[in-house]
N, C-alpha and C. Protein backbone atom coordinates (compact mmCIF):
# COMPACT_ATOMS: atom_id res chain seq x y z
N MET A 1 -16.51 -6.16 10.39
CA MET A 1 -16.36 -4.59 10.05
C MET A 1 -15.35 -4.69 8.71
N THR A 2 -15.60 -3.82 7.62
CA THR A 2 -15.14 -3.51 6.47
C THR A 2 -14.55 -2.14 6.23
N VAL A 3 -13.32 -2.19 5.82
CA VAL A 3 -12.55 -0.99 5.80
C VAL A 3 -12.40 -0.64 4.37
N ASN A 4 -12.62 0.31 3.87
CA ASN A 4 -12.52 0.91 2.66
C ASN A 4 -10.88 0.98 2.25
N LEU A 5 -10.40 0.30 1.02
CA LEU A 5 -9.01 0.47 0.89
C LEU A 5 -8.37 2.00 0.50
N TYR A 6 -9.35 2.69 0.11
CA TYR A 6 -9.09 4.27 0.01
C TYR A 6 -8.75 4.91 1.28
N ASP A 7 -9.51 4.57 2.54
CA ASP A 7 -9.14 4.98 3.68
C ASP A 7 -7.95 4.61 4.29
N ALA A 8 -7.58 3.24 4.10
CA ALA A 8 -6.34 2.71 4.67
C ALA A 8 -5.26 3.42 3.95
N LEU A 9 -5.15 3.55 2.54
CA LEU A 9 -4.24 4.08 1.92
C LEU A 9 -4.38 5.58 2.19
N LYS A 10 -4.88 6.34 2.23
CA LYS A 10 -5.17 7.76 2.60
C LYS A 10 -4.40 8.07 4.05
N SER A 11 -4.96 7.03 4.89
CA SER A 11 -4.49 7.27 6.29
C SER A 11 -2.86 7.13 6.23
N SER A 12 -2.35 6.73 5.55
CA SER A 12 -0.96 6.32 5.25
C SER A 12 -0.06 7.75 5.07
N TYR A 13 -0.85 8.67 4.47
CA TYR A 13 -0.41 10.02 4.26
C TYR A 13 -0.90 10.92 5.21
N GLY A 14 -1.42 10.30 6.20
CA GLY A 14 -1.89 11.45 7.19
C GLY A 14 -3.37 11.99 7.10
N ASN A 15 -4.11 11.55 6.25
CA ASN A 15 -5.40 12.14 5.83
C ASN A 15 -6.32 11.84 7.30
N LYS A 16 -6.66 12.88 7.85
CA LYS A 16 -7.69 12.81 9.23
C LYS A 16 -8.79 12.42 9.02
N LYS A 17 -9.45 12.50 7.73
CA LYS A 17 -10.90 12.07 7.49
C LYS A 17 -10.88 10.39 7.55
N SER A 18 -9.85 10.17 6.71
CA SER A 18 -9.51 8.55 6.54
C SER A 18 -9.46 7.70 7.95
N LYS A 19 -8.57 8.69 8.64
CA LYS A 19 -8.09 8.19 10.11
C LYS A 19 -9.24 8.13 10.94
N LYS A 20 -10.19 8.97 10.89
CA LYS A 20 -11.61 8.85 11.65
C LYS A 20 -12.58 7.87 10.92
N ASN A 21 -12.35 7.41 9.79
CA ASN A 21 -13.21 6.40 9.25
C ASN A 21 -12.67 4.91 9.79
N LEU A 22 -11.30 4.81 9.98
CA LEU A 22 -10.90 3.45 10.25
C LEU A 22 -11.20 3.35 11.66
N GLU A 23 -11.07 4.59 12.57
CA GLU A 23 -11.47 4.55 14.08
C GLU A 23 -13.06 4.23 14.08
N LYS A 24 -13.95 4.57 13.40
CA LYS A 24 -15.29 4.07 13.15
C LYS A 24 -15.41 2.80 13.02
N GLU A 25 -14.34 2.23 12.39
CA GLU A 25 -14.62 0.47 11.98
C GLU A 25 -13.81 -0.10 13.27
N GLY A 26 -13.49 0.50 14.45
CA GLY A 26 -13.17 -0.03 15.72
C GLY A 26 -11.38 -0.36 15.62
N TYR A 27 -10.78 0.41 14.52
CA TYR A 27 -9.30 0.31 14.70
C TYR A 27 -8.80 1.60 15.41
N GLN A 28 -7.72 1.40 16.27
CA GLN A 28 -7.00 2.16 16.88
C GLN A 28 -5.78 2.08 16.33
N MET A 29 -4.94 3.54 16.11
CA MET A 29 -3.58 3.76 15.59
C MET A 29 -2.51 3.44 16.88
N ASP A 30 -1.78 2.73 16.82
CA ASP A 30 -0.69 2.70 17.47
C ASP A 30 0.38 3.55 17.26
N SER A 31 0.39 4.84 18.02
CA SER A 31 1.38 5.80 17.88
C SER A 31 2.79 5.51 18.18
N SER A 32 2.75 4.54 19.17
CA SER A 32 4.32 4.02 19.73
C SER A 32 5.03 3.13 18.52
N LEU A 33 4.26 2.59 17.45
CA LEU A 33 4.87 1.88 16.69
C LEU A 33 4.76 2.54 15.01
N SER A 34 3.88 3.68 15.18
CA SER A 34 3.63 4.60 13.88
C SER A 34 4.39 5.78 13.39
N ASN A 35 4.79 5.94 12.32
CA ASN A 35 5.52 7.22 12.05
C ASN A 35 4.95 7.65 10.70
N HIS A 36 5.73 8.59 9.93
CA HIS A 36 5.16 9.05 8.71
C HIS A 36 5.51 8.18 7.57
N ASN A 37 6.33 7.03 7.77
CA ASN A 37 6.40 5.93 6.66
C ASN A 37 5.42 4.82 6.55
N GLN A 38 4.92 4.32 7.90
CA GLN A 38 3.81 3.50 7.88
C GLN A 38 3.18 3.61 9.24
N GLN A 39 1.97 3.27 9.21
CA GLN A 39 1.08 3.29 10.30
C GLN A 39 0.58 2.07 10.61
N VAL A 40 0.40 1.73 12.10
CA VAL A 40 0.05 0.45 12.74
C VAL A 40 -1.43 0.62 13.32
N TRP A 41 -2.29 -0.08 12.83
CA TRP A 41 -3.80 -0.02 13.25
C TRP A 41 -4.20 -1.33 14.07
N TYR A 42 -4.81 -1.22 15.10
CA TYR A 42 -5.36 -2.64 15.56
C TYR A 42 -6.55 -2.60 16.12
N ASN A 43 -7.45 -3.56 15.54
CA ASN A 43 -9.06 -3.59 16.09
C ASN A 43 -9.05 -4.63 17.16
N PRO A 44 -9.21 -4.31 18.53
CA PRO A 44 -9.06 -5.27 19.41
C PRO A 44 -10.24 -6.43 19.37
N ASN A 45 -11.36 -5.90 18.90
CA ASN A 45 -12.87 -6.43 18.79
C ASN A 45 -12.40 -7.54 17.95
N ASP A 46 -11.91 -7.57 16.76
CA ASP A 46 -11.56 -8.48 15.90
C ASP A 46 -10.25 -9.17 15.70
N ARG A 47 -9.42 -8.77 16.61
CA ARG A 47 -8.02 -8.84 16.66
C ARG A 47 -7.18 -8.90 15.30
N LYS A 48 -7.78 -7.86 14.62
CA LYS A 48 -7.09 -7.67 13.41
C LYS A 48 -5.99 -6.63 13.45
N LEU A 49 -5.06 -6.85 12.79
CA LEU A 49 -3.89 -5.90 12.62
C LEU A 49 -3.71 -5.47 11.28
N MET A 50 -3.75 -4.01 11.12
CA MET A 50 -3.41 -3.64 9.79
C MET A 50 -2.18 -2.61 9.84
N VAL A 51 -1.29 -2.80 8.80
CA VAL A 51 -0.16 -2.24 8.64
C VAL A 51 -0.36 -1.23 7.38
N ASN A 52 -0.31 0.08 7.34
CA ASN A 52 -0.35 0.95 5.97
C ASN A 52 0.86 1.47 5.81
N VAL A 53 1.59 1.35 4.36
CA VAL A 53 3.03 1.81 4.15
C VAL A 53 2.53 3.02 2.89
N ALA A 54 3.15 4.15 3.42
CA ALA A 54 2.99 5.42 2.47
C ALA A 54 3.89 5.12 1.36
N GLY A 55 3.56 5.74 0.12
CA GLY A 55 4.57 5.42 -1.11
C GLY A 55 5.52 6.69 -0.84
N THR A 56 6.26 7.04 -1.68
CA THR A 56 7.10 8.20 -1.94
C THR A 56 6.77 9.31 -1.49
N HIS A 57 7.05 10.09 -0.41
CA HIS A 57 6.69 11.30 0.12
C HIS A 57 7.89 12.13 0.64
N ASN A 58 9.12 12.00 0.30
CA ASN A 58 10.16 12.98 0.69
C ASN A 58 11.34 12.79 0.00
N LEU A 59 12.33 13.29 0.20
CA LEU A 59 13.45 13.32 -0.67
C LEU A 59 14.26 11.88 -0.42
N SER A 60 14.52 11.73 0.50
CA SER A 60 15.07 10.29 0.87
C SER A 60 14.45 9.12 0.22
N ASP A 61 13.03 9.14 -0.22
CA ASP A 61 12.44 7.93 -0.75
C ASP A 61 12.97 7.81 -2.19
N TRP A 62 13.22 9.15 -2.74
CA TRP A 62 13.74 9.02 -4.06
C TRP A 62 15.03 7.99 -4.22
N GLY A 63 15.94 7.92 -3.43
CA GLY A 63 17.05 7.09 -3.16
C GLY A 63 16.45 5.54 -3.18
N THR A 64 15.34 5.46 -2.34
CA THR A 64 14.70 4.00 -2.12
C THR A 64 14.13 3.52 -3.44
N ASP A 65 13.48 4.67 -4.29
CA ASP A 65 13.02 4.28 -5.56
C ASP A 65 14.03 3.64 -6.42
N LEU A 66 15.33 4.54 -6.23
CA LEU A 66 16.31 4.08 -7.13
C LEU A 66 16.65 2.69 -7.07
N TYR A 67 16.90 2.13 -5.74
CA TYR A 67 16.82 0.72 -5.08
C TYR A 67 16.09 -0.14 -5.68
N LEU A 68 15.06 0.29 -5.68
CA LEU A 68 13.64 -0.42 -6.12
C LEU A 68 13.88 -0.72 -7.63
N ALA A 69 14.27 0.12 -8.57
CA ALA A 69 14.41 0.18 -9.96
C ALA A 69 15.52 -0.67 -10.07
N LEU A 70 16.43 -1.14 -9.33
CA LEU A 70 17.71 -1.80 -9.62
C LEU A 70 17.57 -3.13 -8.97
N GLY A 71 16.41 -3.38 -8.41
CA GLY A 71 15.97 -4.72 -7.89
C GLY A 71 16.65 -5.02 -6.46
N HIS A 72 16.94 -3.83 -5.70
CA HIS A 72 17.62 -4.08 -4.23
C HIS A 72 16.82 -3.38 -3.34
N LEU A 73 15.46 -3.44 -3.52
CA LEU A 73 14.48 -2.82 -2.19
C LEU A 73 14.68 -3.19 -0.78
N LYS A 74 15.05 -4.47 -0.80
CA LYS A 74 15.29 -5.25 0.61
C LYS A 74 16.36 -4.57 1.52
N HIS A 75 17.24 -4.00 0.59
CA HIS A 75 18.61 -3.50 1.24
C HIS A 75 18.32 -2.19 1.85
N THR A 76 17.08 -1.60 1.71
CA THR A 76 17.05 -0.13 2.09
C THR A 76 16.73 -0.04 3.47
N ASN A 77 17.03 1.20 3.90
CA ASN A 77 16.55 1.26 5.42
C ASN A 77 14.81 1.47 5.35
N ARG A 78 14.32 1.90 4.46
CA ARG A 78 12.85 2.26 4.26
C ARG A 78 12.25 0.93 4.50
N TYR A 79 12.79 -0.30 3.64
CA TYR A 79 12.24 -1.50 3.67
C TYR A 79 12.42 -2.11 5.15
N LYS A 80 13.46 -2.10 5.55
CA LYS A 80 14.27 -2.64 6.89
C LYS A 80 13.05 -2.02 7.97
N GLU A 81 12.84 -0.68 8.12
CA GLU A 81 12.08 0.00 8.90
C GLU A 81 10.74 -0.72 8.81
N ALA A 82 10.13 -0.69 7.61
CA ALA A 82 8.52 -1.13 7.77
C ALA A 82 8.66 -2.54 8.07
N ASP A 83 9.67 -3.50 7.49
CA ASP A 83 9.39 -4.85 8.24
C ASP A 83 9.64 -5.00 9.53
N SER A 84 10.51 -4.35 9.92
CA SER A 84 10.69 -4.42 11.54
C SER A 84 9.58 -3.84 12.18
N THR A 85 8.81 -2.91 11.88
CA THR A 85 7.49 -2.30 12.52
C THR A 85 6.25 -3.64 12.54
N LEU A 86 6.33 -4.14 11.03
CA LEU A 86 5.31 -5.13 11.08
C LEU A 86 5.68 -6.39 12.35
N GLU A 87 6.78 -6.86 12.25
CA GLU A 87 7.16 -7.67 13.37
C GLU A 87 7.03 -7.47 14.44
N LYS A 88 7.22 -6.12 14.90
CA LYS A 88 7.07 -5.62 16.36
C LYS A 88 5.34 -5.61 16.74
N ALA A 89 4.90 -5.31 15.65
CA ALA A 89 3.17 -5.27 15.98
C ALA A 89 2.90 -6.59 16.06
N ARG A 90 3.35 -7.73 15.35
CA ARG A 90 2.72 -9.07 15.46
C ARG A 90 3.00 -9.52 16.82
N GLU A 91 4.23 -9.05 17.22
CA GLU A 91 4.78 -9.59 18.67
C GLU A 91 3.76 -8.97 19.81
N LYS A 92 3.44 -7.86 19.70
CA LYS A 92 2.77 -6.85 20.57
C LYS A 92 1.22 -7.50 20.55
N TYR A 93 0.59 -7.53 19.35
CA TYR A 93 -0.67 -7.86 19.32
C TYR A 93 -1.30 -9.24 19.06
N LYS A 94 -0.36 -10.23 18.49
CA LYS A 94 -0.54 -11.47 18.27
C LYS A 94 -1.95 -11.42 17.71
N PRO A 95 -2.01 -10.83 16.33
CA PRO A 95 -3.45 -10.88 15.80
C PRO A 95 -4.00 -12.30 15.11
N ALA A 96 -5.31 -12.33 15.22
CA ALA A 96 -5.82 -13.32 14.24
C ALA A 96 -5.68 -13.33 12.78
N GLN A 97 -5.61 -11.79 12.36
CA GLN A 97 -5.51 -11.66 11.13
C GLN A 97 -4.62 -10.59 10.95
N THR A 98 -3.52 -10.56 9.85
CA THR A 98 -2.84 -9.31 9.53
C THR A 98 -3.31 -8.71 8.17
N VAL A 99 -3.27 -7.45 8.10
CA VAL A 99 -3.56 -6.98 6.42
C VAL A 99 -2.39 -5.86 6.35
N VAL A 100 -1.91 -5.88 5.26
CA VAL A 100 -0.73 -5.24 4.86
C VAL A 100 -1.43 -4.22 3.65
N THR A 101 -1.30 -2.94 3.57
CA THR A 101 -1.67 -2.18 2.47
C THR A 101 -0.50 -1.15 2.28
N GLY A 102 -0.66 -0.56 0.79
CA GLY A 102 0.30 0.15 0.38
C GLY A 102 0.12 0.86 -0.94
N HIS A 103 0.67 2.14 -1.06
CA HIS A 103 0.43 2.95 -2.32
C HIS A 103 1.71 2.98 -2.80
N SER A 104 2.18 2.80 -4.18
CA SER A 104 2.93 3.31 -4.89
C SER A 104 4.37 2.47 -4.22
N LEU A 105 5.43 3.16 -3.91
CA LEU A 105 6.69 2.56 -3.22
C LEU A 105 6.23 1.85 -1.95
N GLY A 106 5.21 2.38 -1.22
CA GLY A 106 4.38 1.51 -0.19
C GLY A 106 4.04 0.06 -0.59
N SER A 107 3.35 0.01 -1.65
CA SER A 107 2.76 -1.03 -2.37
C SER A 107 3.80 -2.05 -2.58
N THR A 108 4.98 -1.74 -2.95
CA THR A 108 6.14 -2.77 -3.39
C THR A 108 6.75 -3.17 -2.00
N ILE A 109 6.81 -2.31 -1.08
CA ILE A 109 7.36 -2.65 0.19
C ILE A 109 6.59 -3.46 1.07
N GLY A 110 5.23 -3.35 0.88
CA GLY A 110 4.23 -3.97 1.68
C GLY A 110 4.12 -5.41 1.12
N ALA A 111 4.18 -5.70 -0.18
CA ALA A 111 4.04 -7.02 -0.89
C ALA A 111 5.14 -7.80 -0.69
N TYR A 112 6.48 -7.14 -0.29
CA TYR A 112 7.32 -7.85 -0.10
C TYR A 112 7.47 -8.43 1.57
N MET A 113 6.93 -7.37 2.34
CA MET A 113 6.88 -7.65 3.74
C MET A 113 5.81 -8.54 4.31
N ALA A 114 4.66 -8.59 3.51
CA ALA A 114 3.44 -9.66 3.87
C ALA A 114 3.79 -11.19 3.89
N ASP A 115 3.51 -11.64 4.60
CA ASP A 115 3.83 -12.92 4.53
C ASP A 115 2.94 -13.80 3.68
N LYS A 116 2.76 -15.24 3.48
CA LYS A 116 1.82 -15.82 2.75
C LYS A 116 0.15 -15.91 3.64
N ASN A 117 0.20 -15.66 4.85
CA ASN A 117 -0.81 -15.88 5.65
C ASN A 117 -1.56 -14.44 5.74
N ASP A 118 -0.89 -13.38 5.39
CA ASP A 118 -1.35 -11.99 5.45
C ASP A 118 -2.30 -11.63 4.34
N LEU A 119 -3.09 -10.76 4.39
CA LEU A 119 -3.86 -10.06 3.47
C LEU A 119 -3.15 -9.05 3.03
N PHE A 120 -3.15 -8.67 1.56
CA PHE A 120 -2.27 -7.83 0.98
C PHE A 120 -3.06 -6.94 0.11
N TYR A 121 -2.96 -5.64 0.00
CA TYR A 121 -3.79 -4.59 -0.98
C TYR A 121 -2.78 -3.68 -1.38
N GLY A 122 -2.32 -3.76 -2.69
CA GLY A 122 -1.47 -2.86 -3.06
C GLY A 122 -2.20 -1.93 -4.38
N LEU A 123 -1.82 -0.68 -4.40
CA LEU A 123 -2.28 0.18 -5.39
C LEU A 123 -1.03 0.94 -6.10
N ASP A 124 -0.80 0.89 -7.26
CA ASP A 124 0.09 1.49 -8.11
C ASP A 124 1.22 1.50 -7.68
N GLY A 125 1.72 -0.09 -7.59
CA GLY A 125 3.21 -0.28 -6.97
C GLY A 125 4.14 -0.46 -8.12
N GLY A 126 5.36 0.10 -7.59
CA GLY A 126 6.47 0.04 -8.70
C GLY A 126 6.90 -1.26 -8.97
N TYR A 127 7.43 -1.77 -10.12
CA TYR A 127 7.88 -3.03 -10.34
C TYR A 127 9.16 -2.74 -11.19
N THR A 128 9.79 -3.80 -11.07
CA THR A 128 11.15 -3.86 -12.27
C THR A 128 10.65 -4.85 -13.18
N VAL A 129 11.52 -4.81 -14.17
CA VAL A 129 11.00 -5.75 -15.62
C VAL A 129 11.14 -7.05 -15.17
N GLY A 130 9.85 -7.55 -15.46
CA GLY A 130 9.81 -9.22 -15.30
C GLY A 130 9.38 -9.63 -13.78
N GLN A 131 9.54 -8.82 -12.90
CA GLN A 131 8.88 -9.00 -11.49
C GLN A 131 7.68 -9.40 -11.66
N LYS A 132 7.23 -10.51 -10.65
CA LYS A 132 6.17 -11.33 -10.44
C LYS A 132 5.35 -10.76 -9.32
N THR A 133 3.99 -10.68 -9.42
CA THR A 133 3.38 -10.82 -8.41
C THR A 133 2.89 -12.14 -7.70
N ARG A 134 2.79 -11.98 -6.44
CA ARG A 134 2.49 -13.17 -5.67
C ARG A 134 0.98 -13.15 -5.40
N SER A 135 0.39 -14.24 -5.58
CA SER A 135 -1.11 -14.47 -4.94
C SER A 135 -1.43 -14.82 -3.81
N GLU A 136 -0.58 -15.68 -3.16
CA GLU A 136 -0.80 -16.26 -2.05
C GLU A 136 -2.01 -16.87 -1.77
N GLU A 137 -2.76 -17.76 -2.90
CA GLU A 137 -4.16 -18.31 -2.88
C GLU A 137 -5.10 -17.28 -2.83
N GLY A 138 -4.83 -15.96 -3.55
CA GLY A 138 -5.97 -15.13 -3.49
C GLY A 138 -5.99 -14.07 -2.38
N LYS A 139 -4.77 -14.09 -1.45
CA LYS A 139 -4.73 -13.17 -0.45
C LYS A 139 -4.18 -11.93 -0.78
N HIS A 140 -3.17 -11.90 -1.77
CA HIS A 140 -2.63 -10.75 -2.02
C HIS A 140 -3.50 -10.28 -3.57
N LYS A 141 -4.00 -8.98 -3.14
CA LYS A 141 -4.50 -8.36 -4.05
C LYS A 141 -3.84 -6.99 -4.84
N TYR A 142 -3.23 -6.97 -6.18
CA TYR A 142 -2.54 -6.01 -6.73
C TYR A 142 -3.55 -5.00 -7.68
N TYR A 143 -3.47 -3.65 -7.46
CA TYR A 143 -4.49 -2.88 -8.42
C TYR A 143 -3.40 -1.81 -8.96
N ARG A 144 -3.77 -1.51 -10.29
CA ARG A 144 -3.14 -0.14 -10.76
C ARG A 144 -4.31 0.56 -11.61
N THR A 145 -3.92 1.83 -11.85
CA THR A 145 -4.84 2.87 -12.45
C THR A 145 -4.48 2.80 -13.86
N SER A 146 -5.19 2.53 -14.86
CA SER A 146 -4.76 2.78 -16.21
C SER A 146 -4.29 3.96 -16.47
N GLY A 147 -3.12 4.05 -16.96
CA GLY A 147 -2.42 5.16 -17.44
C GLY A 147 -1.32 5.52 -16.55
N ASP A 148 -1.12 4.82 -15.27
CA ASP A 148 -0.26 5.06 -14.39
C ASP A 148 1.11 4.68 -14.80
N ALA A 149 2.00 5.62 -14.86
CA ALA A 149 3.40 5.03 -15.47
C ALA A 149 4.20 4.32 -14.38
N VAL A 150 4.04 4.44 -12.99
CA VAL A 150 4.85 3.76 -11.96
C VAL A 150 4.59 2.37 -11.99
N SER A 151 3.35 1.85 -12.07
CA SER A 151 3.01 0.65 -12.13
C SER A 151 2.91 -0.10 -13.59
N LEU A 152 3.62 0.49 -14.58
CA LEU A 152 3.59 -0.01 -16.03
C LEU A 152 4.04 -1.17 -15.94
N PHE A 153 5.33 -1.38 -15.46
CA PHE A 153 5.94 -2.88 -15.61
C PHE A 153 5.26 -4.00 -14.95
N GLY A 154 4.30 -3.62 -14.17
CA GLY A 154 3.27 -4.59 -13.45
C GLY A 154 2.01 -4.91 -14.06
N SER A 155 1.81 -3.93 -15.25
CA SER A 155 0.48 -4.11 -15.73
C SER A 155 0.22 -5.37 -16.33
N GLY A 156 0.87 -6.15 -16.79
CA GLY A 156 0.68 -7.50 -17.59
C GLY A 156 1.01 -8.75 -16.42
N ALA A 157 1.24 -8.30 -15.22
CA ALA A 157 1.15 -9.33 -14.11
C ALA A 157 -0.07 -10.45 -13.95
N LYS A 158 0.48 -11.43 -13.66
CA LYS A 158 -1.02 -12.37 -13.76
C LYS A 158 -2.19 -12.15 -12.69
N HIS A 159 -1.55 -11.49 -11.48
CA HIS A 159 -2.76 -11.27 -10.26
C HIS A 159 -3.02 -9.73 -10.33
N MET A 160 -2.57 -8.92 -11.42
CA MET A 160 -2.85 -7.56 -11.56
C MET A 160 -4.24 -7.21 -11.95
N THR A 161 -4.96 -6.33 -11.11
CA THR A 161 -6.29 -5.60 -11.79
C THR A 161 -6.05 -4.40 -12.32
N THR A 162 -6.37 -3.93 -13.42
CA THR A 162 -6.25 -2.52 -13.92
C THR A 162 -7.78 -1.98 -13.58
N LEU A 163 -7.49 -0.79 -13.11
CA LEU A 163 -8.73 -0.27 -12.76
C LEU A 163 -8.90 1.15 -13.81
N ASP A 164 -10.18 1.50 -14.16
CA ASP A 164 -10.42 2.43 -14.94
C ASP A 164 -9.89 3.90 -14.27
N ASN A 165 -9.38 4.70 -15.25
CA ASN A 165 -8.89 6.00 -14.74
C ASN A 165 -9.86 6.92 -14.86
N PRO A 166 -10.61 7.35 -13.69
CA PRO A 166 -11.56 8.43 -13.58
C PRO A 166 -11.15 9.91 -14.20
N ASN A 167 -9.82 10.25 -14.53
CA ASN A 167 -9.31 11.43 -14.99
C ASN A 167 -9.69 11.55 -16.61
N LYS A 168 -9.95 12.88 -16.71
CA LYS A 168 -10.11 12.82 -18.35
C LYS A 168 -8.58 13.31 -18.83
N ALA A 169 -7.94 12.70 -19.99
CA ALA A 169 -6.60 12.89 -20.66
C ALA A 169 -6.58 14.23 -21.01
N THR A 170 -5.54 15.05 -20.84
CA THR A 170 -5.40 16.18 -21.06
C THR A 170 -4.41 16.33 -22.40
N GLY A 171 -3.80 15.26 -22.45
CA GLY A 171 -2.54 15.13 -23.57
C GLY A 171 -1.42 15.29 -23.40
N ILE A 172 -1.12 16.08 -22.05
CA ILE A 172 0.07 16.19 -21.62
C ILE A 172 0.66 15.09 -20.72
N LEU A 173 1.55 14.32 -21.25
CA LEU A 173 1.93 13.09 -20.83
C LEU A 173 2.26 13.07 -19.19
N PRO A 174 3.22 13.97 -18.92
CA PRO A 174 3.60 13.93 -17.67
C PRO A 174 2.19 14.20 -16.70
N LEU A 175 1.51 15.25 -16.94
CA LEU A 175 0.45 15.53 -15.88
C LEU A 175 -0.73 14.34 -16.10
N ASP A 176 -1.10 13.43 -17.26
CA ASP A 176 -1.77 12.51 -17.11
C ASP A 176 -1.25 11.30 -16.38
N ALA A 177 -0.13 11.23 -16.32
CA ALA A 177 0.49 10.04 -15.49
C ALA A 177 0.72 10.32 -14.18
N LEU A 178 0.83 11.46 -13.87
CA LEU A 178 0.83 12.00 -12.31
C LEU A 178 -0.69 11.70 -11.78
N LYS A 179 -1.75 12.34 -12.60
CA LYS A 179 -3.09 12.29 -12.14
C LYS A 179 -3.45 10.61 -11.87
N ALA A 180 -3.02 9.78 -12.95
CA ALA A 180 -3.41 8.40 -12.89
C ALA A 180 -2.85 7.73 -11.59
N HIS A 181 -1.87 8.20 -11.16
CA HIS A 181 -1.07 7.64 -9.90
C HIS A 181 -1.66 8.31 -8.57
N ASP A 182 -2.71 8.88 -8.46
CA ASP A 182 -3.16 9.58 -7.15
C ASP A 182 -4.21 8.42 -6.54
N VAL A 183 -4.19 8.36 -5.25
CA VAL A 183 -5.07 7.48 -4.53
C VAL A 183 -6.51 7.84 -4.76
N GLU A 184 -6.71 9.18 -4.84
CA GLU A 184 -7.96 9.55 -5.15
C GLU A 184 -8.61 9.00 -6.23
N ASN A 185 -8.17 8.20 -7.13
CA ASN A 185 -8.72 7.58 -8.14
C ASN A 185 -9.50 6.33 -7.74
N ILE A 186 -9.27 5.92 -6.57
CA ILE A 186 -9.97 4.73 -6.01
C ILE A 186 -11.27 5.20 -4.93
N LYS A 187 -11.44 6.30 -4.79
CA LYS A 187 -12.22 7.05 -3.87
C LYS A 187 -13.70 6.30 -4.08
N ASN A 188 -14.23 6.14 -5.05
CA ASN A 188 -15.53 5.56 -5.46
C ASN A 188 -15.28 4.14 -6.30
N ALA A 189 -14.26 3.44 -5.85
CA ALA A 189 -14.13 2.29 -6.66
C ALA A 189 -14.75 1.13 -5.71
N ASN A 190 -15.35 1.30 -4.55
CA ASN A 190 -15.86 0.24 -3.78
C ASN A 190 -14.72 -0.89 -3.74
N LEU A 191 -13.49 -0.68 -3.18
CA LEU A 191 -12.52 -1.54 -2.99
C LEU A 191 -12.46 -1.78 -1.36
N TYR A 192 -12.82 -2.90 -0.76
CA TYR A 192 -12.92 -3.07 0.65
C TYR A 192 -11.76 -4.32 1.07
N ILE A 193 -11.27 -3.96 2.09
CA ILE A 193 -10.54 -4.86 3.00
C ILE A 193 -11.22 -5.91 3.76
């Protein structure tokens, strides 16, 4: 069974159609471990665990973004909550494989909490100057959209893939950067987990 990365990321923001697409692939959302910051999905047929971490979506996340910029993301409640959720899900399901996905802030959180045996897929993650991306022998995949300001410091990272921006430039820099940061940009990119 193959999951579109777009659906995994959109489900973390509560997109109902993406949730239905994950269910069609055999995944069941664990509502006891899921909340508005991360969702836990389990496929009992494949024994595959998937944790999707949402990006910045509320006022308290702006504080977490500041900690990220200062290089102290692991000290935040947002990171600690996501990491704890992943560990609880591992204990509950004892999966054959674990996949962590995230967009924006969620990508950075997910990259830190995924271990070397996990598959990781991140889009438009925030980086500090000089921060490195881990490949874990190709198990960790990092994507950014061309023109995305949030992932700019990661654009030259060794394991980063820069995707074409499907949006037409307006010449209004803040608007263009905002459009470049949208998960919708990978809807037709054929990126699969």
